[in-house]
């Protein structure tokens, strides 16, 4: 799908992360994450500078990392993305993991993906209820909604 810089050191493969600007171990979940990042940038027009990878947060006194968080121009989280390896089925638990992160972040959108299946959800204002979307909005669509 996309071309990546991959290198091997001591029988371990590493992939270059264009956002973190470093090589990271090429695990199955990382492969999904790197492909999804490229999709966000190249197909959905999200600016690189608005995307954070492995975004640190505290949930119930535990240190956690959200796979991908996308911010708006005011640096408010807009999208929380949870990536799983291709062989991991997306379940209610996957959604709840992202939703729990979002209790702290307050983003309008949640996305869960395993590279084969991607599900996007929009949070209803002032509630913890979500509705599933047909597809992930483009960056421009989200920006237009913020201007309303």
C-alpha atoms as a PDB file:
ATOM      1  CA  UNK A   1       0.000   0.000   0.000  1.00  0.00           C
ATOM      2  CA  UNK A   2       2.556   2.601   1.132  1.00  0.00           C
ATOM      3  CA  UNK A   3       6.328   2.558   0.880  1.00  0.00           C
ATOM      4  CA  UNK A   4       8.265   2.529   4.134  1.00  0.00           C
ATOM      5  CA  UNK A   5      11.886   2.680   5.193  1.00  0.00           C
ATOM      6  CA  UNK A   6      12.522  -0.618   6.930  1.00  0.00           C
ATOM      7  CA  UNK A   7      15.848  -1.856   8.272  1.00  0.00           C
ATOM      8  CA  UNK A   8      16.946  -4.954  10.120  1.00  0.00           C
ATOM      9  CA  UNK A   9      19.319  -4.990  13.082  1.00  0.00           C
ATOM     10  CA  UNK A  10      20.222  -8.241  14.867  1.00  0.00           C
ATOM     11  CA  UNK A  11      17.305 -10.089  13.220  1.00  0.00           C
ATOM     12  CA  UNK A  12      14.800  -7.451  14.342  1.00  0.00           C
ATOM     13  CA  UNK A  13      13.001  -5.286  11.787  1.00  0.00           C
ATOM     14  CA  UNK A  14      12.484  -1.577  12.364  1.00  0.00           C
ATOM     15  CA  UNK A  15      10.229   0.841  10.490  1.00  0.00           C
ATOM     16  CA  UNK A  16      10.825   4.586  10.197  1.00  0.00           C
ATOM     17  CA  UNK A  17       8.027   6.576  11.837  1.00  0.00           C
ATOM     18  CA  UNK A  18       7.640   9.831   9.875  1.00  0.00           C
ATOM     19  CA  UNK A  19       5.992  11.576  12.832  1.00  0.00           C
ATOM     20  CA  UNK A  20       8.386  10.560  15.600  1.00  0.00           C
ATOM     21  CA  UNK A  21      11.262  10.798  13.095  1.00  0.00           C
ATOM     22  CA  UNK A  22      12.911   7.609  14.297  1.00  0.00           C
ATOM     23  CA  UNK A  23      12.988   3.881  13.662  1.00  0.00           C
ATOM     24  CA  UNK A  24      10.703   1.802  15.879  1.00  0.00           C
ATOM     25  CA  UNK A  25      10.399  -1.969  16.224  1.00  0.00           C
ATOM     26  CA  UNK A  26       8.189  -3.343  13.485  1.00  0.00           C
ATOM     27  CA  UNK A  27       5.607  -5.268  15.484  1.00  0.00           C
ATOM     28  CA  UNK A  28       2.236  -6.255  13.922  1.00  0.00           C
ATOM     29  CA  UNK A  29       0.385  -3.414  15.673  1.00  0.00           C
ATOM     30  CA  UNK A  30       3.068  -0.939  14.592  1.00  0.00           C
ATOM     31  CA  UNK A  31       2.567  -2.007  10.968  1.00  0.00           C
ATOM     32  CA  UNK A  32      -1.146  -1.160  11.259  1.00  0.00           C
ATOM     33  CA  UNK A  33      -0.368   2.134  13.004  1.00  0.00           C
ATOM     34  CA  UNK A  34       2.171   3.244  10.380  1.00  0.00           C
ATOM     35  CA  UNK A  35      -0.178   2.393   7.513  1.00  0.00           C
ATOM     36  CA  UNK A  36      -3.047   4.225   9.198  1.00  0.00           C
ATOM     37  CA  UNK A  37      -0.884   7.305   9.791  1.00  0.00           C
ATOM     38  CA  UNK A  38      -0.032   7.401   6.082  1.00  0.00           C
ATOM     39  CA  UNK A  39      -3.731   6.978   5.212  1.00  0.00           C
ATOM     40  CA  UNK A  40      -4.639   9.906   7.490  1.00  0.00           C
ATOM     41  CA  UNK A  41      -2.007  12.141   5.904  1.00  0.00           C
ATOM     42  CA  UNK A  42      -2.216  11.078   2.260  1.00  0.00           C
ATOM     43  CA  UNK A  43      -5.909  10.214   1.818  1.00  0.00           C
ATOM     44  CA  UNK A  44      -7.726  12.189   4.510  1.00  0.00           C
ATOM     45  CA  UNK A  45      -5.475  15.293   4.456  1.00  0.00           C
ATOM     46  CA  UNK A  46      -4.651  15.438   8.170  1.00  0.00           C
ATOM     47  CA  UNK A  47      -1.603  17.651   8.781  1.00  0.00           C
ATOM     48  CA  UNK A  48       1.402  15.842  10.265  1.00  0.00           C
ATOM     49  CA  UNK A  49       1.752  18.524  12.910  1.00  0.00           C
ATOM     50  CA  UNK A  50      -1.687  17.722  14.347  1.00  0.00           C
ATOM     51  CA  UNK A  51      -1.017  13.994  14.847  1.00  0.00           C
ATOM     52  CA  UNK A  52       0.542  12.555  18.018  1.00  0.00           C
ATOM     53  CA  UNK A  53       1.703   8.938  18.281  1.00  0.00           C
ATOM     54  CA  UNK A  54       1.621   7.031  21.566  1.00  0.00           C
ATOM     55  CA  UNK A  55       0.105  10.022  23.325  1.00  0.00           C
ATOM     56  CA  UNK A  56       0.648   9.745  27.088  1.00  0.00           C
ATOM     57  CA  UNK A  57      -2.282  10.040  29.504  1.00  0.00           C
ATOM     58  CA  UNK A  58      -3.303   8.876  32.968  1.00  0.00           C
ATOM     59  CA  UNK A  59      -6.418   6.731  33.295  1.00  0.00           C
ATOM     60  CA  UNK A  60      -7.502   5.761  36.813  1.00  0.00           C
ATOM     61  CA  UNK A  61      -3.995   6.510  38.146  1.00  0.00           C
ATOM     62  CA  UNK A  62      -2.465   4.258  35.471  1.00  0.00           C
ATOM     63  CA  UNK A  63      -0.052   5.458  32.808  1.00  0.00           C
ATOM     64  CA  UNK A  64      -1.494   4.755  29.352  1.00  0.00           C
ATOM     65  CA  UNK A  65      -0.668   5.624  25.770  1.00  0.00           C
ATOM     66  CA  UNK A  66      -3.232   6.225  23.096  1.00  0.00           C
ATOM     67  CA  UNK A  67      -1.960   4.908  19.746  1.00  0.00           C
ATOM     68  CA  UNK A  68      -2.840   8.050  17.787  1.00  0.00           C
ATOM     69  CA  UNK A  69      -4.452  11.350  18.807  1.00  0.00           C
ATOM     70  CA  UNK A  70      -5.323  14.078  16.322  1.00  0.00           C
ATOM     71  CA  UNK A  71      -5.593  17.669  17.534  1.00  0.00           C
ATOM     72  CA  UNK A  72      -7.414  20.701  16.161  1.00  0.00           C
ATOM     73  CA  UNK A  73      -5.844  24.133  15.647  1.00  0.00           C
ATOM     74  CA  UNK A  74      -6.367  24.972  19.330  1.00  0.00           C
ATOM     75  CA  UNK A  75      -4.506  21.736  20.269  1.00  0.00           C
ATOM     76  CA  UNK A  76      -7.684  20.147  21.614  1.00  0.00           C
ATOM     77  CA  UNK A  77      -7.955  16.395  20.935  1.00  0.00           C
ATOM     78  CA  UNK A  78     -10.413  15.725  18.097  1.00  0.00           C
ATOM     79  CA  UNK A  79      -9.832  12.042  17.312  1.00  0.00           C
ATOM     80  CA  UNK A  80      -8.615   9.125  19.425  1.00  0.00           C
ATOM     81  CA  UNK A  81      -7.426   6.109  17.423  1.00  0.00           C
ATOM     82  CA  UNK A  82      -6.783   2.634  18.782  1.00  0.00           C
ATOM     83  CA  UNK A  83      -4.786   0.286  16.539  1.00  0.00           C
ATOM     84  CA  UNK A  84      -4.658  -3.478  16.838  1.00  0.00           C
ATOM     85  CA  UNK A  85      -2.651  -6.033  14.885  1.00  0.00           C
ATOM     86  CA  UNK A  86      -4.288  -7.391  11.733  1.00  0.00           C
ATOM     87  CA  UNK A  87      -5.017 -10.752  13.379  1.00  0.00           C
ATOM     88  CA  UNK A  88      -6.792  -9.136  16.358  1.00  0.00           C
ATOM     89  CA  UNK A  89     -10.552  -8.929  16.009  1.00  0.00           C
ATOM     90  CA  UNK A  90     -12.144  -5.568  16.818  1.00  0.00           C
ATOM     91  CA  UNK A  91     -14.506  -6.097  19.729  1.00  0.00           C
ATOM     92  CA  UNK A  92     -16.501  -4.197  22.294  1.00  0.00           C
ATOM     93  CA  UNK A  93     -13.371  -4.293  24.489  1.00  0.00           C
ATOM     94  CA  UNK A  94     -11.377  -2.537  21.747  1.00  0.00           C
ATOM     95  CA  UNK A  95     -13.997   0.200  21.542  1.00  0.00           C
ATOM     96  CA  UNK A  96     -14.139   0.511  25.338  1.00  0.00           C
ATOM     97  CA  UNK A  97     -10.366   0.867  25.541  1.00  0.00           C
ATOM     98  CA  UNK A  98     -10.481   3.856  23.180  1.00  0.00           C
ATOM     99  CA  UNK A  99     -13.598   5.246  24.909  1.00  0.00           C
ATOM    100  CA  UNK A 100     -11.846   5.048  28.305  1.00  0.00           C
ATOM    101  CA  UNK A 101      -8.912   7.021  26.918  1.00  0.00           C
ATOM    102  CA  UNK A 102     -11.402   9.501  25.546  1.00  0.00           C
ATOM    103  CA  UNK A 103     -12.975  10.090  28.961  1.00  0.00           C
ATOM    104  CA  UNK A 104      -9.695  11.848  29.734  1.00  0.00           C
ATOM    105  CA  UNK A 105      -9.117  13.439  26.301  1.00  0.00           C
ATOM    106  CA  UNK A 106     -12.632  14.575  25.354  1.00  0.00           C
ATOM    107  CA  UNK A 107     -12.324  14.060  21.587  1.00  0.00           C
ATOM    108  CA  UNK A 108     -15.375  14.163  19.327  1.00  0.00           C
ATOM    109  CA  UNK A 109     -14.352  11.072  17.331  1.00  0.00           C
ATOM    110  CA  UNK A 110     -13.073   7.569  18.101  1.00  0.00           C
ATOM    111  CA  UNK A 111     -11.582   5.192  15.596  1.00  0.00           C
ATOM    112  CA  UNK A 112     -10.602   1.574  16.045  1.00  0.00           C
ATOM    113  CA  UNK A 113      -8.697  -0.305  13.362  1.00  0.00           C
ATOM    114  CA  UNK A 114      -6.817  -3.521  12.766  1.00  0.00           C
ATOM    115  CA  UNK A 115      -5.806  -2.571   9.238  1.00  0.00           C
ATOM    116  CA  UNK A 116      -8.459  -4.862   7.758  1.00  0.00           C
ATOM    117  CA  UNK A 117     -11.478  -3.296   9.447  1.00  0.00           C
ATOM    118  CA  UNK A 118     -11.813   0.308  10.561  1.00  0.00           C
ATOM    119  CA  UNK A 119     -14.728   1.685  12.560  1.00  0.00           C
ATOM    120  CA  UNK A 120     -15.307   5.373  13.205  1.00  0.00           C
ATOM    121  CA  UNK A 121     -17.587   6.780  15.887  1.00  0.00           C
ATOM    122  CA  UNK A 122     -18.813  10.267  16.741  1.00  0.00           C
ATOM    123  CA  UNK A 123     -19.476  11.246  20.344  1.00  0.00           C
ATOM    124  CA  UNK A 124     -22.767  12.943  21.132  1.00  0.00           C
ATOM    125  CA  UNK A 125     -22.315  16.310  22.829  1.00  0.00           C
ATOM    126  CA  UNK A 126     -22.311  16.222  26.630  1.00  0.00           C
ATOM    127  CA  UNK A 127     -22.754  12.456  26.903  1.00  0.00           C
ATOM    128  CA  UNK A 128     -20.720   9.299  26.651  1.00  0.00           C
ATOM    129  CA  UNK A 129     -22.882   7.916  23.845  1.00  0.00           C
ATOM    130  CA  UNK A 130     -21.405   7.335  20.389  1.00  0.00           C
ATOM    131  CA  UNK A 131     -22.883   6.681  16.977  1.00  0.00           C
ATOM    132  CA  UNK A 132     -21.038   4.770  14.294  1.00  0.00           C
ATOM    133  CA  UNK A 133     -20.115   6.688  11.150  1.00  0.00           C
ATOM    134  CA  UNK A 134     -20.033   5.315   7.610  1.00  0.00           C
ATOM    135  CA  UNK A 135     -16.452   6.568   7.259  1.00  0.00           C
ATOM    136  CA  UNK A 136     -13.753   8.665   8.878  1.00  0.00           C
ATOM    137  CA  UNK A 137     -14.224  12.368   8.124  1.00  0.00           C
ATOM    138  CA  UNK A 138     -11.564  14.283   6.195  1.00  0.00           C
ATOM    139  CA  UNK A 139      -9.620  16.910   8.105  1.00  0.00           C
ATOM    140  CA  UNK A 140     -11.424  19.677   6.185  1.00  0.00           C
ATOM    141  CA  UNK A 141     -14.834  18.283   7.203  1.00  0.00           C
ATOM    142  CA  UNK A 142     -13.927  18.404  10.892  1.00  0.00           C
ATOM    143  CA  UNK A 143     -12.558  21.933  10.535  1.00  0.00           C
ATOM    144  CA  UNK A 144     -15.795  23.090   8.851  1.00  0.00           C
ATOM    145  CA  UNK A 145     -17.806  21.648  11.741  1.00  0.00           C
ATOM    146  CA  UNK A 146     -15.730  23.642  14.215  1.00  0.00           C
ATOM    147  CA  UNK A 147     -16.619  26.874  12.397  1.00  0.00           C
ATOM    148  CA  UNK A 148     -20.380  26.305  12.788  1.00  0.00           C
END
